[in-house]
Amino acid sequence: MKDLVAVYDYISDAIGRVMLLIGVVLLVVGVLAFNPFGSVLSAGSFFFGILFTVFGMLVQLGFFPRNLRSLSGVGTILICLSIVFITFSIVVVEFVDLDLVKIVPSIFRGAIIGYKPLMESERPYLWLSVLFMQFGLATLIIGIALRIFNVLRSRSGL
């Protein structure tokens, strides 16, 4: 049984480091693929990069309990779910929808020297971002409350 625990500890340490490394690489790819109008490659890299980095750090810190069938386990699952919701809401803000409003002439000393387009930008998924951010914050608060309640309950002996 001790050998099995030692193997589990070694694997959890290695998984944390690998996830952290993959997350950093994906974040770098997301930054390099970023463009002003939103890119699926950039958004996907940011999403998975943030997730892998955060979960890698949580594994390295030993955040996950061995028993997920307790209130602490449910709290951990809700906190992990909140990380996914918040990450998705951050990535969705990246996409911008541009509309050409009108073309205006550029006038210099009474003569038209060219034309300038006036553009208007919108964030069409901003409502989705706000919704997922609210879900993320709610599940984060509930998850933290369940973990604190479980710690207080275990210390009081209930």
C-alpha atoms as a PDB file:
ATOM      1  CA  MET A   1       0.000   0.000   0.000  1.00  0.00           C
ATOM      2  CA  LYS A   2       2.867   2.405   0.761  1.00  0.00           C
ATOM      3  CA  ASP A   3       4.367   1.679  -2.649  1.00  0.00           C
ATOM      4  CA  LEU A   4       1.085   2.613  -4.285  1.00  0.00           C
ATOM      5  CA  VAL A   5       0.957   5.915  -2.379  1.00  0.00           C
ATOM      6  CA  ALA A   6       4.566   6.654  -3.383  1.00  0.00           C
ATOM      7  CA  VAL A   7       3.741   5.982  -7.037  1.00  0.00           C
ATOM      8  CA  TYR A   8       0.666   8.223  -6.793  1.00  0.00           C
ATOM      9  CA  ASP A   9       2.738  11.039  -5.261  1.00  0.00           C
ATOM     10  CA  TYR A  10       5.389  10.734  -7.977  1.00  0.00           C
ATOM     11  CA  ILE A  11       2.788  10.748 -10.764  1.00  0.00           C
ATOM     12  CA  SER A  12       0.944  13.728  -9.271  1.00  0.00           C
ATOM     13  CA  ASP A  13       4.195  15.710  -9.053  1.00  0.00           C
ATOM     14  CA  ALA A  14       5.125  14.826 -12.631  1.00  0.00           C
ATOM     15  CA  ILE A  15       1.637  15.597 -13.948  1.00  0.00           C
ATOM     16  CA  GLY A  16       1.694  18.994 -12.269  1.00  0.00           C
ATOM     17  CA  ARG A  17       5.011  19.909 -13.874  1.00  0.00           C
ATOM     18  CA  VAL A  18       3.947  18.661 -17.308  1.00  0.00           C
ATOM     19  CA  MET A  19       0.632  20.514 -17.142  1.00  0.00           C
ATOM     20  CA  LEU A  20       2.421  23.683 -16.053  1.00  0.00           C
ATOM     21  CA  LEU A  21       4.884  23.406 -18.930  1.00  0.00           C
ATOM     22  CA  ILE A  22       2.172  22.709 -21.507  1.00  0.00           C
ATOM     23  CA  GLY A  23       0.143  25.640 -20.163  1.00  0.00           C
ATOM     24  CA  VAL A  24       3.037  28.081 -20.477  1.00  0.00           C
ATOM     25  CA  VAL A  25       3.770  26.896 -24.027  1.00  0.00           C
ATOM     26  CA  LEU A  26       0.108  27.315 -25.003  1.00  0.00           C
ATOM     27  CA  LEU A  27       0.008  30.801 -23.464  1.00  0.00           C
ATOM     28  CA  VAL A  28       3.053  31.795 -25.518  1.00  0.00           C
ATOM     29  CA  VAL A  29       1.381  30.407 -28.667  1.00  0.00           C
ATOM     30  CA  GLY A  30      -1.773  32.358 -27.777  1.00  0.00           C
ATOM     31  CA  VAL A  31       0.183  35.593 -27.409  1.00  0.00           C
ATOM     32  CA  LEU A  32       2.078  35.038 -30.664  1.00  0.00           C
ATOM     33  CA  ALA A  33      -1.113  34.187 -32.600  1.00  0.00           C
ATOM     34  CA  PHE A  34      -3.044  37.161 -31.207  1.00  0.00           C
ATOM     35  CA  ASN A  35      -4.512  39.613 -33.690  1.00  0.00           C
ATOM     36  CA  PRO A  36      -6.884  42.550 -33.178  1.00  0.00           C
ATOM     37  CA  PHE A  37      -9.909  40.817 -34.697  1.00  0.00           C
ATOM     38  CA  GLY A  38      -9.791  37.572 -32.744  1.00  0.00           C
ATOM     39  CA  SER A  39      -8.333  34.291 -33.841  1.00  0.00           C
ATOM     40  CA  VAL A  40      -9.576  30.781 -33.089  1.00  0.00           C
ATOM     41  CA  LEU A  41      -5.999  29.553 -32.667  1.00  0.00           C
ATOM     42  CA  SER A  42      -5.216  32.358 -30.245  1.00  0.00           C
ATOM     43  CA  ALA A  43      -8.453  31.888 -28.288  1.00  0.00           C
ATOM     44  CA  GLY A  44      -7.996  28.121 -28.047  1.00  0.00           C
ATOM     45  CA  SER A  45      -4.382  28.499 -26.994  1.00  0.00           C
ATOM     46  CA  PHE A  46      -5.297  31.071 -24.343  1.00  0.00           C
ATOM     47  CA  PHE A  47      -8.151  28.913 -23.040  1.00  0.00           C
ATOM     48  CA  PHE A  48      -6.190  25.693 -22.721  1.00  0.00           C
ATOM     49  CA  GLY A  49      -3.024  27.533 -21.698  1.00  0.00           C
ATOM     50  CA  ILE A  50      -4.723  29.208 -18.749  1.00  0.00           C
ATOM     51  CA  LEU A  51      -6.455  25.970 -17.759  1.00  0.00           C
ATOM     52  CA  PHE A  52      -3.303  23.851 -17.928  1.00  0.00           C
ATOM     53  CA  THR A  53      -1.251  26.466 -16.080  1.00  0.00           C
ATOM     54  CA  VAL A  54      -3.762  26.909 -13.257  1.00  0.00           C
ATOM     55  CA  PHE A  55      -4.487  23.209 -12.853  1.00  0.00           C
ATOM     56  CA  GLY A  56      -0.766  22.424 -13.027  1.00  0.00           C
ATOM     57  CA  MET A  57      -0.117  24.859 -10.188  1.00  0.00           C
ATOM     58  CA  LEU A  58      -3.014  23.421  -8.181  1.00  0.00           C
ATOM     59  CA  VAL A  59      -1.658  19.893  -8.618  1.00  0.00           C
ATOM     60  CA  GLN A  60       1.814  21.091  -7.612  1.00  0.00           C
ATOM     61  CA  LEU A  61       0.371  22.701  -4.461  1.00  0.00           C
ATOM     62  CA  GLY A  62      -1.557  19.538  -3.535  1.00  0.00           C
ATOM     63  CA  PHE A  63      -4.950  21.221  -3.776  1.00  0.00           C
ATOM     64  CA  PHE A  64      -6.923  18.131  -4.779  1.00  0.00           C
ATOM     65  CA  PRO A  65      -8.109  15.922  -1.902  1.00  0.00           C
ATOM     66  CA  ARG A  66      -7.884  12.143  -2.140  1.00  0.00           C
ATOM     67  CA  ASN A  67     -11.588  11.711  -1.370  1.00  0.00           C
ATOM     68  CA  LEU A  68     -13.840  13.613  -3.768  1.00  0.00           C
ATOM     69  CA  ARG A  69     -17.021  12.266  -2.125  1.00  0.00           C
ATOM     70  CA  SER A  70     -16.859  14.737   0.742  1.00  0.00           C
ATOM     71  CA  LEU A  71     -17.899  18.380   0.987  1.00  0.00           C
ATOM     72  CA  SER A  72     -14.277  19.329   0.413  1.00  0.00           C
ATOM     73  CA  GLY A  73     -14.303  17.254  -2.780  1.00  0.00           C
ATOM     74  CA  VAL A  74     -17.486  18.904  -4.012  1.00  0.00           C
ATOM     75  CA  GLY A  75     -15.946  22.279  -3.192  1.00  0.00           C
ATOM     76  CA  THR A  76     -12.838  21.334  -5.173  1.00  0.00           C
ATOM     77  CA  ILE A  77     -14.941  20.310  -8.168  1.00  0.00           C
ATOM     78  CA  LEU A  78     -16.871  23.601  -8.007  1.00  0.00           C
ATOM     79  CA  ILE A  79     -13.648  25.614  -7.765  1.00  0.00           C
ATOM     80  CA  CYS A  80     -12.239  23.775 -10.805  1.00  0.00           C
ATOM     81  CA  LEU A  81     -15.496  24.394 -12.668  1.00  0.00           C
ATOM     82  CA  SER A  82     -15.294  28.081 -11.788  1.00  0.00           C
ATOM     83  CA  ILE A  83     -11.781  28.241 -13.250  1.00  0.00           C
ATOM     84  CA  VAL A  84     -13.138  26.854 -16.533  1.00  0.00           C
ATOM     85  CA  PHE A  85     -16.046  29.348 -16.559  1.00  0.00           C
ATOM     86  CA  ILE A  86     -13.842  32.351 -15.766  1.00  0.00           C
ATOM     87  CA  THR A  87     -11.235  31.309 -18.346  1.00  0.00           C
ATOM     88  CA  PHE A  88     -13.931  30.930 -21.006  1.00  0.00           C
ATOM     89  CA  SER A  89     -15.344  34.369 -20.196  1.00  0.00           C
ATOM     90  CA  ILE A  90     -11.886  35.923 -20.524  1.00  0.00           C
ATOM     91  CA  VAL A  91     -11.211  34.247 -23.871  1.00  0.00           C
ATOM     92  CA  VAL A  92     -14.616  35.130 -25.355  1.00  0.00           C
ATOM     93  CA  VAL A  93     -13.913  38.859 -24.893  1.00  0.00           C
ATOM     94  CA  GLU A  94     -11.096  38.564 -27.449  1.00  0.00           C
ATOM     95  CA  PHE A  95     -13.445  38.376 -30.423  1.00  0.00           C
ATOM     96  CA  VAL A  96     -14.345  41.695 -32.035  1.00  0.00           C
ATOM     97  CA  ASP A  97     -16.867  42.336 -34.819  1.00  0.00           C
ATOM     98  CA  LEU A  98     -15.999  45.292 -37.050  1.00  0.00           C
ATOM     99  CA  ASP A  99     -18.489  47.235 -39.145  1.00  0.00           C
ATOM    100  CA  LEU A 100     -17.640  49.834 -41.767  1.00  0.00           C
ATOM    101  CA  VAL A 101     -19.864  52.779 -40.900  1.00  0.00           C
ATOM    102  CA  LYS A 102     -19.006  55.242 -43.671  1.00  0.00           C
ATOM    103  CA  ILE A 103     -16.191  56.660 -45.756  1.00  0.00           C
ATOM    104  CA  VAL A 104     -15.291  60.282 -45.037  1.00  0.00           C
ATOM    105  CA  PRO A 105     -13.142  62.463 -47.294  1.00  0.00           C
ATOM    106  CA  SER A 106      -9.900  63.878 -45.895  1.00  0.00           C
ATOM    107  CA  ILE A 107      -9.721  67.585 -46.682  1.00  0.00           C
ATOM    108  CA  PHE A 108      -6.489  69.589 -46.659  1.00  0.00           C
ATOM    109  CA  ARG A 109      -6.588  73.296 -47.615  1.00  0.00           C
ATOM    110  CA  GLY A 110      -9.932  72.937 -49.286  1.00  0.00           C
ATOM    111  CA  ALA A 111      -9.019  69.962 -51.461  1.00  0.00           C
ATOM    112  CA  ILE A 112      -9.924  66.303 -50.967  1.00  0.00           C
ATOM    113  CA  ILE A 113      -6.671  64.395 -50.577  1.00  0.00           C
ATOM    114  CA  GLY A 114      -8.092  60.996 -49.795  1.00  0.00           C
ATOM    115  CA  TYR A 115     -10.757  59.083 -47.997  1.00  0.00           C
ATOM    116  CA  LYS A 116     -10.805  57.596 -44.509  1.00  0.00           C
ATOM    117  CA  PRO A 117     -13.054  54.748 -43.432  1.00  0.00           C
ATOM    118  CA  LEU A 118     -14.826  55.142 -40.127  1.00  0.00           C
ATOM    119  CA  MET A 119     -15.121  51.805 -38.441  1.00  0.00           C
ATOM    120  CA  GLU A 120     -17.194  50.734 -35.504  1.00  0.00           C
ATOM    121  CA  SER A 121     -16.333  47.754 -33.392  1.00  0.00           C
ATOM    122  CA  GLU A 122     -18.544  45.572 -31.291  1.00  0.00           C
ATOM    123  CA  ARG A 123     -17.969  42.654 -28.984  1.00  0.00           C
ATOM    124  CA  PRO A 124     -20.850  40.352 -29.977  1.00  0.00           C
ATOM    125  CA  TYR A 125     -20.117  37.764 -27.287  1.00  0.00           C
ATOM    126  CA  LEU A 126     -19.839  40.200 -24.396  1.00  0.00           C
ATOM    127  CA  TRP A 127     -23.165  39.021 -22.981  1.00  0.00           C
ATOM    128  CA  LEU A 128     -21.854  35.451 -22.981  1.00  0.00           C
ATOM    129  CA  SER A 129     -18.681  36.577 -21.267  1.00  0.00           C
ATOM    130  CA  VAL A 130     -20.639  38.317 -18.502  1.00  0.00           C
ATOM    131  CA  LEU A 131     -22.863  35.272 -18.045  1.00  0.00           C
ATOM    132  CA  PHE A 132     -19.933  32.852 -17.728  1.00  0.00           C
ATOM    133  CA  MET A 133     -18.097  35.250 -15.411  1.00  0.00           C
ATOM    134  CA  GLN A 134     -21.153  35.315 -13.125  1.00  0.00           C
ATOM    135  CA  PHE A 135     -21.381  31.503 -13.171  1.00  0.00           C
ATOM    136  CA  GLY A 136     -17.656  31.296 -12.478  1.00  0.00           C
ATOM    137  CA  LEU A 137     -17.758  33.676  -9.532  1.00  0.00           C
ATOM    138  CA  ALA A 138     -20.832  31.961  -8.072  1.00  0.00           C
ATOM    139  CA  THR A 139     -19.303  28.485  -8.276  1.00  0.00           C
ATOM    140  CA  LEU A 140     -16.007  29.821  -6.890  1.00  0.00           C
ATOM    141  CA  ILE A 141     -17.740  31.340  -3.862  1.00  0.00           C
ATOM    142  CA  ILE A 142     -19.809  28.195  -3.245  1.00  0.00           C
ATOM    143  CA  GLY A 143     -16.732  25.951  -3.664  1.00  0.00           C
ATOM    144  CA  ILE A 144     -14.645  27.998  -1.243  1.00  0.00           C
ATOM    145  CA  ALA A 145     -17.534  28.072   1.246  1.00  0.00           C
ATOM    146  CA  LEU A 146     -17.887  24.273   1.082  1.00  0.00           C
ATOM    147  CA  ARG A 147     -14.162  23.770   1.629  1.00  0.00           C
ATOM    148  CA  ILE A 148     -14.135  26.166   4.592  1.00  0.00           C
ATOM    149  CA  PHE A 149     -17.245  24.519   6.053  1.00  0.00           C
ATOM    150  CA  ASN A 150     -15.642  21.086   5.732  1.00  0.00           C
ATOM    151  CA  VAL A 151     -12.460  22.278   7.476  1.00  0.00           C
ATOM    152  CA  LEU A 152     -14.431  23.884  10.302  1.00  0.00           C
ATOM    153  CA  ARG A 153     -16.635  20.807  10.650  1.00  0.00           C
ATOM    154  CA  SER A 154     -13.645  18.462  10.817  1.00  0.00           C
ATOM    155  CA  ARG A 155     -11.934  20.616  13.469  1.00  0.00           C
ATOM    156  CA  SER A 156     -15.020  20.833  15.669  1.00  0.00           C
ATOM    157  CA  GLY A 157     -15.542  17.060  15.520  1.00  0.00           C
ATOM    158  CA  LEU A 158     -19.067  17.040  14.041  1.00  0.00           C
END
